[in-house]
Amino acid sequence: MLQVGSYGAAADADRTQASLALLGFESHVQRTTLEGKVFNRVRIGPISDLDAANRTQRQLRAAGYDPLLMQVPK
């Protein structure tokens, strides 16, 4: 899975998700609360193939994002 961003404001996450859609990436927003703070995480995946995940990460970096590659527990 790639995490493209994490935002306190849902509107910021929605904007990132829309920008990714314009680039052809399907993403989702995961809302979570940690230590009383709300985070809206914009994520792509899960991506089962590591090569595909790395390729997507490079494409996102070329588009100006700094995605974090994350392993999803099974």
PDB file of N, CA and C in Angstrom:
ATOM      1  N   MET A   1       0.854  -1.171   0.000  1.00  0.00           N
ATOM      2  CA  MET A   1       0.000   0.000   0.000  1.00  0.00           C
ATOM      3  C   MET A   1       0.896   1.230   0.000  1.00  0.00           C
ATOM      4  N   LEU A   2       0.424   2.278  -0.660  1.00  0.00           N
ATOM      5  CA  LEU A   2       1.132   3.554  -0.652  1.00  0.00           C
ATOM      6  C   LEU A   2       0.280   4.589   0.068  1.00  0.00           C
ATOM      7  N   GLN A   3       0.879   5.278   1.032  1.00  0.00           N
ATOM      8  CA  GLN A   3       0.194   6.391   1.676  1.00  0.00           C
ATOM      9  C   GLN A   3       0.728   7.667   1.047  1.00  0.00           C
ATOM     10  N   VAL A   4      -0.164   8.389   0.401  1.00  0.00           N
ATOM     11  CA  VAL A   4       0.214   9.597  -0.328  1.00  0.00           C
ATOM     12  C   VAL A   4       0.228  10.816   0.588  1.00  0.00           C
ATOM     13  N   GLY A   5      -0.618  10.816   1.600  1.00  0.00           N
ATOM     14  CA  GLY A   5      -0.648  11.942   2.521  1.00  0.00           C
ATOM     15  C   GLY A   5      -1.519  11.645   3.717  1.00  0.00           C
ATOM     16  N   SER A   6      -1.329  12.430   4.766  1.00  0.00           N
ATOM     17  CA  SER A   6      -2.134  12.336   5.969  1.00  0.00           C
ATOM     18  C   SER A   6      -2.465  13.756   6.404  1.00  0.00           C
ATOM     19  N   TYR A   7      -3.750  14.039   6.590  1.00  0.00           N
ATOM     20  CA  TYR A   7      -4.209  15.404   6.823  1.00  0.00           C
ATOM     21  C   TYR A   7      -5.154  15.468   8.009  1.00  0.00           C
ATOM     22  N   GLY A   8      -5.091  16.565   8.729  1.00  0.00           N
ATOM     23  CA  GLY A   8      -6.038  16.803   9.807  1.00  0.00           C
ATOM     24  C   GLY A   8      -7.407  17.174   9.280  1.00  0.00           C
ATOM     25  N   ALA A   9      -7.436  17.861   8.148  1.00  0.00           N
ATOM     26  CA  ALA A   9      -8.696  18.310   7.553  1.00  0.00           C
ATOM     27  C   ALA A   9      -9.131  17.360   6.444  1.00  0.00           C
ATOM     28  N   ALA A  10     -10.378  16.911   6.526  1.00  0.00           N
ATOM     29  CA  ALA A  10     -10.919  16.011   5.505  1.00  0.00           C
ATOM     30  C   ALA A  10     -10.897  16.664   4.127  1.00  0.00           C
ATOM     31  N   ALA A  11     -11.098  17.979   4.060  1.00  0.00           N
ATOM     32  CA  ALA A  11     -11.109  18.677   2.774  1.00  0.00           C
ATOM     33  C   ALA A  11      -9.751  18.570   2.077  1.00  0.00           C
ATOM     34  N   ASP A  12      -8.672  18.605   2.842  1.00  0.00           N
ATOM     35  CA  ASP A  12      -7.334  18.466   2.247  1.00  0.00           C
ATOM     36  C   ASP A  12      -7.145  17.068   1.668  1.00  0.00           C
ATOM     37  N   ALA A  13      -7.619  16.067   2.387  1.00  0.00           N
ATOM     38  CA  ALA A  13      -7.535  14.691   1.891  1.00  0.00           C
ATOM     39  C   ALA A  13      -8.379  14.527   0.629  1.00  0.00           C
ATOM     40  N   ASP A  14      -9.557  15.135   0.617  1.00  0.00           N
ATOM     41  CA  ASP A  14     -10.425  15.065  -0.561  1.00  0.00           C
ATOM     42  C   ASP A  14      -9.771  15.718  -1.770  1.00  0.00           C
ATOM     43  N   ARG A  15      -9.088  16.841  -1.556  1.00  0.00           N
ATOM     44  CA  ARG A  15      -8.392  17.513  -2.666  1.00  0.00           C
ATOM     45  C   ARG A  15      -7.277  16.637  -3.228  1.00  0.00           C
ATOM     46  N   THR A  16      -6.531  16.011  -2.337  1.00  0.00           N
ATOM     47  CA  THR A  16      -5.464  15.120  -2.794  1.00  0.00           C
ATOM     48  C   THR A  16      -6.044  13.941  -3.550  1.00  0.00           C
ATOM     49  N   GLN A  17      -7.120  13.387  -3.045  1.00  0.00           N
ATOM     50  CA  GLN A  17      -7.758  12.255  -3.715  1.00  0.00           C
ATOM     51  C   GLN A  17      -8.241  12.661  -5.110  1.00  0.00           C
ATOM     52  N   ALA A  18      -8.803  13.843  -5.236  1.00  0.00           N
ATOM     53  CA  ALA A  18      -9.263  14.329  -6.545  1.00  0.00           C
ATOM     54  C   ALA A  18      -8.081  14.550  -7.487  1.00  0.00           C
ATOM     55  N   SER A  19      -6.995  15.096  -6.973  1.00  0.00           N
ATOM     56  CA  SER A  19      -5.805  15.315  -7.806  1.00  0.00           C
ATOM     57  C   SER A  19      -5.239  13.990  -8.303  1.00  0.00           C
ATOM     58  N   LEU A  20      -5.237  12.995  -7.431  1.00  0.00           N
ATOM     59  CA  LEU A  20      -4.749  11.678  -7.829  1.00  0.00           C
ATOM     60  C   LEU A  20      -5.641  11.067  -8.899  1.00  0.00           C
ATOM     61  N   ALA A  21      -6.950  11.261  -8.768  1.00  0.00           N
ATOM     62  CA  ALA A  21      -7.882  10.737  -9.766  1.00  0.00           C
ATOM     63  C   ALA A  21      -7.613  11.364 -11.132  1.00  0.00           C
ATOM     64  N   LEU A  22      -7.297  12.653 -11.151  1.00  0.00           N
ATOM     65  CA  LEU A  22      -6.979  13.319 -12.422  1.00  0.00           C
ATOM     66  C   LEU A  22      -5.713  12.746 -13.046  1.00  0.00           C
ATOM     67  N   LEU A  23      -4.823  12.207 -12.217  1.00  0.00           N
ATOM     68  CA  LEU A  23      -3.599  11.578 -12.716  1.00  0.00           C
ATOM     69  C   LEU A  23      -3.809  10.107 -13.061  1.00  0.00           C
ATOM     70  N   GLY A  24      -5.016   9.598 -12.801  1.00  0.00           N
ATOM     71  CA  GLY A  24      -5.325   8.208 -13.135  1.00  0.00           C
ATOM     72  C   GLY A  24      -5.143   7.215 -12.003  1.00  0.00           C
ATOM     73  N   PHE A  25      -4.958   7.699 -10.775  1.00  0.00           N
ATOM     74  CA  PHE A  25      -4.778   6.819  -9.629  1.00  0.00           C
ATOM     75  C   PHE A  25      -6.069   6.707  -8.835  1.00  0.00           C
ATOM     76  N   GLU A  26      -6.441   5.478  -8.502  1.00  0.00           N
ATOM     77  CA  GLU A  26      -7.604   5.247  -7.650  1.00  0.00           C
ATOM     78  C   GLU A  26      -7.115   5.188  -6.207  1.00  0.00           C
ATOM     79  N   SER A  27      -7.670   6.018  -5.355  1.00  0.00           N
ATOM     80  CA  SER A  27      -7.242   6.076  -3.963  1.00  0.00           C
ATOM     81  C   SER A  27      -8.459   6.046  -3.045  1.00  0.00           C
ATOM     82  N   HIS A  28      -8.192   5.924  -1.770  1.00  0.00           N
ATOM     83  CA  HIS A  28      -9.258   5.983  -0.768  1.00  0.00           C
ATOM     84  C   HIS A  28      -8.742   6.759   0.437  1.00  0.00           C
ATOM     85  N   VAL A  29      -9.667   7.275   1.217  1.00  0.00           N
ATOM     86  CA  VAL A  29      -9.322   8.025   2.418  1.00  0.00           C
ATOM     87  C   VAL A  29      -9.697   7.185   3.630  1.00  0.00           C
ATOM     88  N   GLN A  30      -8.728   6.976   4.495  1.00  0.00           N
ATOM     89  CA  GLN A  30      -8.954   6.261   5.747  1.00  0.00           C
ATOM     90  C   GLN A  30      -8.919   7.283   6.876  1.00  0.00           C
ATOM     91  N   ARG A  31     -10.010   7.378   7.597  1.00  0.00           N
ATOM     92  CA  ARG A  31     -10.086   8.321   8.718  1.00  0.00           C
ATOM     93  C   ARG A  31      -9.796   7.553  10.003  1.00  0.00           C
ATOM     94  N   THR A  32      -8.869   8.079  10.785  1.00  0.00           N
ATOM     95  CA  THR A  32      -8.506   7.422  12.040  1.00  0.00           C
ATOM     96  C   THR A  32      -8.244   8.473  13.112  1.00  0.00           C
ATOM     97  N   THR A  33      -8.348   8.061  14.354  1.00  0.00           N
ATOM     98  CA  THR A  33      -8.083   8.951  15.484  1.00  0.00           C
ATOM     99  C   THR A  33      -6.966   8.348  16.323  1.00  0.00           C
ATOM    100  N   LEU A  34      -5.926   9.144  16.548  1.00  0.00           N
ATOM    101  CA  LEU A  34      -4.809   8.727  17.384  1.00  0.00           C
ATOM    102  C   LEU A  34      -4.564   9.788  18.437  1.00  0.00           C
ATOM    103  N   GLU A  35      -4.567   9.369  19.673  1.00  0.00           N
ATOM    104  CA  GLU A  35      -4.328  10.275  20.796  1.00  0.00           C
ATOM    105  C   GLU A  35      -5.227  11.516  20.727  1.00  0.00           C
ATOM    106  N   GLY A  36      -6.484  11.293  20.332  1.00  0.00           N
ATOM    107  CA  GLY A  36      -7.460  12.368  20.280  1.00  0.00           C
ATOM    108  C   GLY A  36      -7.400  13.247  19.042  1.00  0.00           C
ATOM    109  N   LYS A  37      -6.484  12.971  18.141  1.00  0.00           N
ATOM    110  CA  LYS A  37      -6.354  13.755  16.904  1.00  0.00           C
ATOM    111  C   LYS A  37      -6.861  12.941  15.722  1.00  0.00           C
ATOM    112  N   VAL A  38      -7.584  13.610  14.826  1.00  0.00           N
ATOM    113  CA  VAL A  38      -8.138  12.952  13.640  1.00  0.00           C
ATOM    114  C   VAL A  38      -7.146  13.085  12.491  1.00  0.00           C
ATOM    115  N   PHE A  39      -6.929  11.973  11.789  1.00  0.00           N
ATOM    116  CA  PHE A  39      -6.077  11.953  10.608  1.00  0.00           C
ATOM    117  C   PHE A  39      -6.870  11.374   9.450  1.00  0.00           C
ATOM    118  N   ASN A  40      -6.758  11.996   8.298  1.00  0.00           N
ATOM    119  CA  ASN A  40      -7.384  11.527   7.068  1.00  0.00           C
ATOM    120  C   ASN A  40      -6.254  11.103   6.145  1.00  0.00           C
ATOM    121  N   ARG A  41      -6.082   9.803   6.019  1.00  0.00           N
ATOM    122  CA  ARG A  41      -4.964   9.247   5.256  1.00  0.00           C
ATOM    123  C   ARG A  41      -5.415   8.916   3.844  1.00  0.00           C
ATOM    124  N   VAL A  42      -4.683   9.428   2.878  1.00  0.00           N
ATOM    125  CA  VAL A  42      -4.975   9.130   1.477  1.00  0.00           C
ATOM    126  C   VAL A  42      -4.059   7.990   1.057  1.00  0.00           C
ATOM    127  N   ARG A  43      -4.676   6.892   0.642  1.00  0.00           N
ATOM    128  CA  ARG A  43      -3.910   5.682   0.336  1.00  0.00           C
ATOM    129  C   ARG A  43      -4.292   5.092  -1.015  1.00  0.00           C
ATOM    130  N   ILE A  44      -3.329   4.436  -1.611  1.00  0.00           N
ATOM    131  CA  ILE A  44      -3.519   3.696  -2.858  1.00  0.00           C
ATOM    132  C   ILE A  44      -3.180   2.243  -2.556  1.00  0.00           C
ATOM    133  N   GLY A  45      -4.076   1.348  -2.942  1.00  0.00           N
ATOM    134  CA  GLY A  45      -3.791  -0.061  -2.761  1.00  0.00           C
ATOM    135  C   GLY A  45      -4.803  -0.743  -1.882  1.00  0.00           C
ATOM    136  N   PRO A  46      -4.531  -1.952  -1.503  1.00  0.00           N
ATOM    137  CA  PRO A  46      -3.231  -2.602  -1.505  1.00  0.00           C
ATOM    138  C   PRO A  46      -2.769  -2.991  -2.915  1.00  0.00           C
ATOM    139  N   ILE A  47      -1.463  -3.019  -3.074  1.00  0.00           N
ATOM    140  CA  ILE A  47      -0.828  -3.425  -4.329  1.00  0.00           C
ATOM    141  C   ILE A  47      -0.044  -4.695  -4.008  1.00  0.00           C
ATOM    142  N   SER A  48      -0.437  -5.803  -4.620  1.00  0.00           N
ATOM    143  CA  SER A  48       0.132  -7.102  -4.243  1.00  0.00           C
ATOM    144  C   SER A  48       1.544  -7.333  -4.779  1.00  0.00           C
ATOM    145  N   ASP A  49       1.917  -6.653  -5.843  1.00  0.00           N
ATOM    146  CA  ASP A  49       3.221  -6.852  -6.478  1.00  0.00           C
ATOM    147  C   ASP A  49       4.164  -5.717  -6.085  1.00  0.00           C
ATOM    148  N   LEU A  50       5.307  -6.047  -5.485  1.00  0.00           N
ATOM    149  CA  LEU A  50       6.251  -5.037  -5.021  1.00  0.00           C
ATOM    150  C   LEU A  50       6.789  -4.190  -6.170  1.00  0.00           C
ATOM    151  N   ASP A  51       7.039  -4.804  -7.322  1.00  0.00           N
ATOM    152  CA  ASP A  51       7.520  -4.037  -8.480  1.00  0.00           C
ATOM    153  C   ASP A  51       6.492  -2.996  -8.915  1.00  0.00           C
ATOM    154  N   ALA A  52       5.223  -3.390  -8.918  1.00  0.00           N
ATOM    155  CA  ALA A  52       4.159  -2.450  -9.291  1.00  0.00           C
ATOM    156  C   ALA A  52       4.051  -1.333  -8.258  1.00  0.00           C
ATOM    157  N   ALA A  53       4.212  -1.673  -6.977  1.00  0.00           N
ATOM    158  CA  ALA A  53       4.160  -0.655  -5.929  1.00  0.00           C
ATOM    159  C   ALA A  53       5.308   0.342  -6.094  1.00  0.00           C
ATOM    160  N   ASN A  54       6.501  -0.166  -6.373  1.00  0.00           N
ATOM    161  CA  ASN A  54       7.656   0.716  -6.582  1.00  0.00           C
ATOM    162  C   ASN A  54       7.481   1.592  -7.816  1.00  0.00           C
ATOM    163  N   ARG A  55       6.913   1.035  -8.867  1.00  0.00           N
ATOM    164  CA  ARG A  55       6.665   1.794 -10.100  1.00  0.00           C
ATOM    165  C   ARG A  55       5.647   2.915  -9.831  1.00  0.00           C
ATOM    166  N   THR A  56       4.589   2.582  -9.106  1.00  0.00           N
ATOM    167  CA  THR A  56       3.581   3.583  -8.754  1.00  0.00           C
ATOM    168  C   THR A  56       4.195   4.666  -7.871  1.00  0.00           C
ATOM    169  N   GLN A  57       5.040   4.269  -6.942  1.00  0.00           N
ATOM    170  CA  GLN A  57       5.712   5.231  -6.063  1.00  0.00           C
ATOM    171  C   GLN A  57       6.567   6.203  -6.889  1.00  0.00           C
ATOM    172  N   ARG A  58       7.284   5.696  -7.872  1.00  0.00           N
ATOM    173  CA  ARG A  58       8.098   6.569  -8.741  1.00  0.00           C
ATOM    174  C   ARG A  58       7.212   7.529  -9.535  1.00  0.00           C
ATOM    175  N   GLN A  59       6.082   7.040 -10.044  1.00  0.00           N
ATOM    176  CA  GLN A  59       5.169   7.896 -10.801  1.00  0.00           C
ATOM    177  C   GLN A  59       4.613   9.014  -9.913  1.00  0.00           C
ATOM    178  N   LEU A  60       4.275   8.680  -8.686  1.00  0.00           N
ATOM    179  CA  LEU A  60       3.752   9.682  -7.762  1.00  0.00           C
ATOM    180  C   LEU A  60       4.817  10.712  -7.405  1.00  0.00           C
ATOM    181  N   ARG A  61       6.041  10.272  -7.222  1.00  0.00           N
ATOM    182  CA  ARG A  61       7.134  11.211  -6.940  1.00  0.00           C
ATOM    183  C   ARG A  61       7.348  12.155  -8.114  1.00  0.00           C
ATOM    184  N   ALA A  62       7.254  11.631  -9.327  1.00  0.00           N
ATOM    185  CA  ALA A  62       7.400  12.469 -10.518  1.00  0.00           C
ATOM    186  C   ALA A  62       6.283  13.507 -10.601  1.00  0.00           C
ATOM    187  N   ALA A  63       5.129  13.189  -9.992  1.00  0.00           N
ATOM    188  CA  ALA A  63       3.995  14.117  -9.996  1.00  0.00           C
ATOM    189  C   ALA A  63       4.029  15.079  -8.807  1.00  0.00           C
ATOM    190  N   GLY A  64       5.077  14.981  -7.982  1.00  0.00           N
ATOM    191  CA  GLY A  64       5.235  15.926  -6.883  1.00  0.00           C
ATOM    192  C   GLY A  64       4.794  15.433  -5.514  1.00  0.00           C
ATOM    193  N   TYR A  65       4.461  14.172  -5.398  1.00  0.00           N
ATOM    194  CA  TYR A  65       4.067  13.596  -4.109  1.00  0.00           C
ATOM    195  C   TYR A  65       5.251  12.855  -3.492  1.00  0.00           C
ATOM    196  N   ASP A  66       5.171  12.586  -2.208  1.00  0.00           N
ATOM    197  CA  ASP A  66       6.202  11.821  -1.508  1.00  0.00           C
ATOM    198  C   ASP A  66       5.533  10.646  -0.792  1.00  0.00           C
ATOM    199  N   PRO A  67       5.130   9.627  -1.558  1.00  0.00           N
ATOM    200  CA  PRO A  67       4.370   8.525  -0.977  1.00  0.00           C
ATOM    201  C   PRO A  67       5.224   7.609  -0.105  1.00  0.00           C
ATOM    202  N   LEU A  68       4.579   7.054   0.896  1.00  0.00           N
ATOM    203  CA  LEU A  68       5.214   6.133   1.817  1.00  0.00           C
ATOM    204  C   LEU A  68       4.747   4.720   1.490  1.00  0.00           C
ATOM    205  N   LEU A  69       5.688   3.821   1.217  1.00  0.00           N
ATOM    206  CA  LEU A  69       5.370   2.432   0.935  1.00  0.00           C
ATOM    207  C   LEU A  69       5.136   1.732   2.267  1.00  0.00           C
ATOM    208  N   MET A  70       3.978   1.081   2.392  1.00  0.00           N
ATOM    209  CA  MET A  70       3.598   0.445   3.648  1.00  0.00           C
ATOM    210  C   MET A  70       3.230  -1.002   3.402  1.00  0.00           C
ATOM    211  N   GLN A  71       3.597  -1.873   4.338  1.00  0.00           N
ATOM    212  CA  GLN A  71       3.202  -3.270   4.265  1.00  0.00           C
ATOM    213  C   GLN A  71       1.896  -3.439   5.027  1.00  0.00           C
ATOM    214  N   VAL A  72       0.936  -4.076   4.396  1.00  0.00           N
ATOM    215  CA  VAL A  72      -0.371  -4.316   5.012  1.00  0.00           C
ATOM    216  C   VAL A  72      -0.330  -5.671   5.698  1.00  0.00           C
ATOM    217  N   PRO A  73      -0.659  -5.721   6.992  1.00  0.00           N
ATOM    218  CA  PRO A  73      -0.677  -7.011   7.676  1.00  0.00           C
ATOM    219  C   PRO A  73      -1.720  -7.942   7.074  1.00  0.00           C
ATOM    220  N   LYS A  74      -1.379  -9.209   6.997  1.00  0.00           N
ATOM    221  CA  LYS A  74      -2.302 -10.196   6.421  1.00  0.00           C
ATOM    222  C   LYS A  74      -3.255 -10.704   7.450  1.00  0.00           C
TER     223      LYS A  74
END
